[in-house]
Protein backbone atom coordinates (compact mmCIF):
# COMPACT_ATOMS: atom_id res chain seq x y z
CA MET A 1 96.52 60.96 -28.10
CA SER A 2 99.07 61.59 -30.80
CA GLU A 3 99.97 57.99 -31.71
CA LYS A 4 99.23 54.56 -30.24
CA VAL A 5 100.36 51.15 -31.43
CA ALA A 6 98.56 47.87 -30.64
CA SER A 7 100.27 44.56 -29.95
CA ASN A 8 99.56 43.43 -33.55
CA GLY A 9 101.25 46.55 -34.96
CA LEU A 10 98.06 48.49 -35.75
CA LYS A 11 98.80 52.19 -35.36
CA ALA A 12 96.40 55.09 -34.74
CA THR A 13 97.46 58.71 -35.16
CA ALA A 14 95.33 61.74 -34.33
CA THR A 15 94.72 64.17 -37.20
CA SER A 16 94.35 67.94 -36.84
CA ILE A 17 90.85 67.12 -35.54
CA PRO A 18 91.91 64.85 -32.64
CA ASP A 19 88.77 62.66 -32.72
CA VAL A 20 89.43 61.73 -36.37
CA LEU A 21 92.12 59.05 -36.42
CA LEU A 22 94.40 57.78 -39.16
CA ILE A 23 94.61 54.00 -38.76
CA GLU A 24 97.55 52.10 -40.27
CA PRO A 25 97.72 48.30 -40.14
CA LYS A 26 100.98 46.39 -39.99
CA VAL A 27 101.50 45.07 -43.52
CA PHE A 28 103.59 41.97 -44.16
CA GLY A 29 104.88 41.78 -47.72
CA ASP A 30 107.33 39.83 -49.84
CA GLN A 31 107.74 38.82 -53.48
CA ARG A 32 104.40 36.94 -53.32
CA GLY A 33 102.36 39.99 -52.29
CA PHE A 34 101.14 41.17 -48.90
CA PHE A 35 98.98 40.29 -45.91
CA PHE A 36 97.44 42.44 -43.18
CA GLU A 37 94.55 42.31 -40.75
CA SER A 38 92.09 44.79 -42.23
CA PHE A 39 90.15 44.82 -38.96
CA ASN A 40 90.78 43.43 -35.50
CA GLN A 41 88.29 44.54 -32.82
CA ASP A 42 90.72 44.20 -29.88
CA ALA A 43 93.51 46.09 -31.65
CA PHE A 44 91.08 48.80 -32.81
CA ASN A 45 89.82 49.26 -29.24
CA GLN A 46 93.38 49.31 -27.92
CA VAL A 47 94.66 52.06 -30.26
CA THR A 48 91.52 54.21 -30.27
CA GLY A 49 90.44 53.87 -26.66
CA LEU A 50 86.93 53.20 -27.99
CA ASN A 51 84.59 50.26 -27.77
CA VAL A 52 82.42 50.63 -30.85
CA ASN A 53 80.14 48.06 -32.39
CA PHE A 54 80.14 47.98 -36.18
CA VAL A 55 76.79 46.83 -37.59
CA GLN A 56 77.08 47.34 -41.35
CA ASP A 57 79.76 47.08 -44.06
CA ASN A 58 79.42 49.05 -47.32
CA HIS A 59 81.30 48.88 -50.61
CA SER A 60 81.16 51.41 -53.43
CA ARG A 61 82.96 51.62 -56.75
CA SER A 62 83.38 54.98 -58.43
CA GLY A 63 85.16 56.33 -61.48
CA LYS A 64 87.75 59.07 -61.78
CA GLY A 65 86.45 62.50 -60.84
CA VAL A 66 83.43 61.20 -58.89
CA LEU A 67 82.83 63.13 -55.68
CA ARG A 68 80.54 61.47 -53.15
CA GLY A 69 79.36 63.51 -50.18
CA LEU A 70 79.42 65.22 -47.88
CA HIS A 71 76.97 62.85 -46.16
CA TYR A 72 75.81 62.40 -42.58
CA GLN A 73 72.78 61.13 -40.65
CA ILE A 74 71.30 63.62 -38.18
CA GLN A 75 69.75 60.74 -36.19
CA GLN A 76 71.23 57.27 -35.99
CA ALA A 77 74.55 59.06 -36.53
CA GLN A 78 77.18 56.74 -37.91
CA GLY A 79 80.80 56.36 -36.91
CA LYS A 80 82.73 55.12 -39.95
CA LEU A 81 85.96 53.22 -40.46
CA VAL A 82 86.80 53.83 -44.13
CA ARG A 83 89.42 52.44 -46.50
CA VAL A 84 90.19 51.94 -50.19
CA VAL A 85 91.04 48.46 -51.48
CA SER A 86 91.68 49.46 -55.09
CA GLY A 87 92.50 52.87 -56.52
CA GLU A 88 92.96 56.18 -54.71
CA VAL A 89 90.70 58.81 -53.18
CA LEU A 90 90.98 62.05 -51.27
CA ASP A 91 88.87 61.36 -48.21
CA VAL A 92 87.35 64.38 -46.42
CA THR A 93 85.47 64.79 -43.16
CA VAL A 94 83.91 67.92 -41.63
CA ASP A 95 83.14 68.43 -37.93
CA LEU A 96 79.42 69.20 -37.49
CA ARG A 97 79.40 69.13 -33.67
CA LYS A 98 78.33 72.71 -32.88
CA HIS A 99 80.01 72.78 -29.45
CA SER A 100 83.28 71.29 -30.67
CA PRO A 101 86.45 73.42 -30.76
CA THR A 102 86.94 72.14 -34.33
CA PHE A 103 83.36 72.84 -35.49
CA GLY A 104 83.28 73.56 -39.23
CA LYS A 105 86.88 72.40 -39.72
CA TRP A 106 87.83 69.66 -42.15
CA VAL A 107 90.50 67.00 -42.49
CA SER A 108 91.59 65.25 -45.68
CA VAL A 109 93.66 62.10 -46.14
CA VAL A 110 94.68 60.19 -49.26
CA LEU A 111 93.48 56.60 -48.96
CA SER A 112 94.55 54.01 -51.50
CA GLY A 113 94.85 50.32 -52.20
CA GLU A 114 98.60 50.87 -52.08
CA ASN A 115 98.96 52.68 -48.72
CA HIS A 116 96.35 50.53 -46.85
CA LYS A 117 95.51 53.50 -44.59
CA GLN A 118 92.11 53.76 -42.94
CA LEU A 119 90.31 56.68 -41.33
CA TRP A 120 88.12 56.55 -38.22
CA ILE A 121 85.38 59.17 -38.46
CA PRO A 122 83.26 59.39 -35.30
CA PRO A 123 79.54 60.23 -35.26
CA GLY A 124 78.92 63.97 -35.68
CA PHE A 125 80.89 64.42 -38.91
CA ALA A 126 79.99 64.81 -42.58
CA HIS A 127 82.02 62.59 -44.88
CA GLY A 128 82.87 62.45 -48.57
CA PHE A 129 85.58 61.51 -51.03
CA LEU A 130 86.92 62.38 -54.48
CA VAL A 131 88.28 59.64 -56.74
CA HIS A 132 91.77 60.34 -58.14
CA SER A 133 92.37 57.00 -59.92
CA ASP A 134 90.53 55.54 -62.93
CA THR A 135 88.30 53.64 -60.48
CA ALA A 136 88.26 53.18 -56.72
CA ASP A 137 86.72 50.51 -54.52
CA PHE A 138 85.80 52.14 -51.21
CA LEU A 139 84.86 50.06 -48.14
CA TYR A 140 83.52 51.27 -44.84
CA LYS A 141 82.18 49.89 -41.60
CA THR A 142 79.45 51.83 -39.78
CA THR A 143 78.33 51.93 -36.17
CA ASP A 144 74.66 52.36 -37.04
CA TYR A 145 72.42 51.28 -39.89
CA TYR A 146 71.71 53.39 -42.95
CA ALA A 147 68.55 55.40 -42.37
CA PRO A 148 67.65 57.40 -45.50
CA GLN A 149 65.04 59.46 -43.66
CA TYR A 150 67.83 60.96 -41.51
CA GLU A 151 70.46 61.36 -44.22
CA ARG A 152 71.63 64.90 -44.91
CA CYS A 153 74.11 66.30 -47.41
CA LEU A 154 76.46 69.19 -46.78
CA LEU A 155 77.40 71.20 -49.89
CA TRP A 156 80.75 69.87 -51.11
CA ASN A 157 82.02 73.31 -52.15
CA ASP A 158 80.60 75.51 -49.37
CA PRO A 159 82.88 78.59 -49.38
CA ASP A 160 82.53 78.92 -45.59
CA ILE A 161 84.22 75.52 -45.16
CA ASN A 162 86.61 76.00 -48.12
CA ILE A 163 87.73 72.39 -48.61
CA ASN A 164 90.74 71.96 -50.88
CA TRP A 165 89.54 69.03 -52.99
CA GLN A 166 92.64 69.16 -55.21
CA LEU A 167 90.37 69.39 -58.25
CA HIS A 168 91.60 69.52 -61.84
CA ALA A 169 88.08 69.63 -63.32
CA MET A 170 84.49 69.87 -62.15
CA PRO A 171 83.68 66.66 -60.21
CA LEU A 172 80.95 64.21 -61.17
CA LEU A 173 78.15 64.54 -58.60
CA SER A 174 74.86 62.80 -57.95
CA ALA A 175 71.76 65.01 -58.13
CA LYS A 176 71.46 64.70 -54.35
CA ASP A 177 75.05 65.78 -53.73
CA ALA A 178 74.75 68.71 -56.13
CA LYS A 179 71.86 70.01 -53.97
CA GLY A 180 73.75 69.80 -50.66
CA ILE A 181 73.17 72.61 -48.19
CA LYS A 182 75.62 75.09 -46.72
CA LEU A 183 76.98 74.70 -43.20
CA SER A 184 75.10 77.84 -42.13
CA GLN A 185 71.79 76.08 -42.97
CA ALA A 186 72.69 72.51 -41.96
CA GLU A 187 71.19 70.48 -39.17
CA LEU A 188 74.00 70.03 -36.64
CA PHE A 189 74.99 67.78 -33.76
CA ALA A 190 74.90 69.05 -30.15
């Protein structure tokens, strides 16, 4: 799949990791502002070829220079549909499926309140983002519930992965994220 468009104008485009999809809603705008369907189950299924069930919505706010991630759950693995409603982030995902042809590869996309783009990240990937704007409100839907006992953190700056975070200064990290582990030591997906 390179690109598919649903009847409501929702578009999905495969990234360099074909299972990770850039989702772009049809936005209607005029001098008053804009309107778009931020999620439509039928359209999502149509453009992705999937039939996922989202069970949880999350919302985080972060300041400029905050880097969150790279997080994943080794059990109760979560697929995520992520977007930014205010501000701008560099969103990054890493393939942790050990038998995948893109194992250890990463994809990054700029998500913002202005571009309305979303990213579908299937189970089996680590995910994180770096805030470029003064603040960013980040929303995401998940296909399984948060289970802290299964949460793992991949080291954000693992030289074997070599993510280009487009950094201008050292990011602000949580203590947990600063102690992430390298890909060579990480628990992986079959």
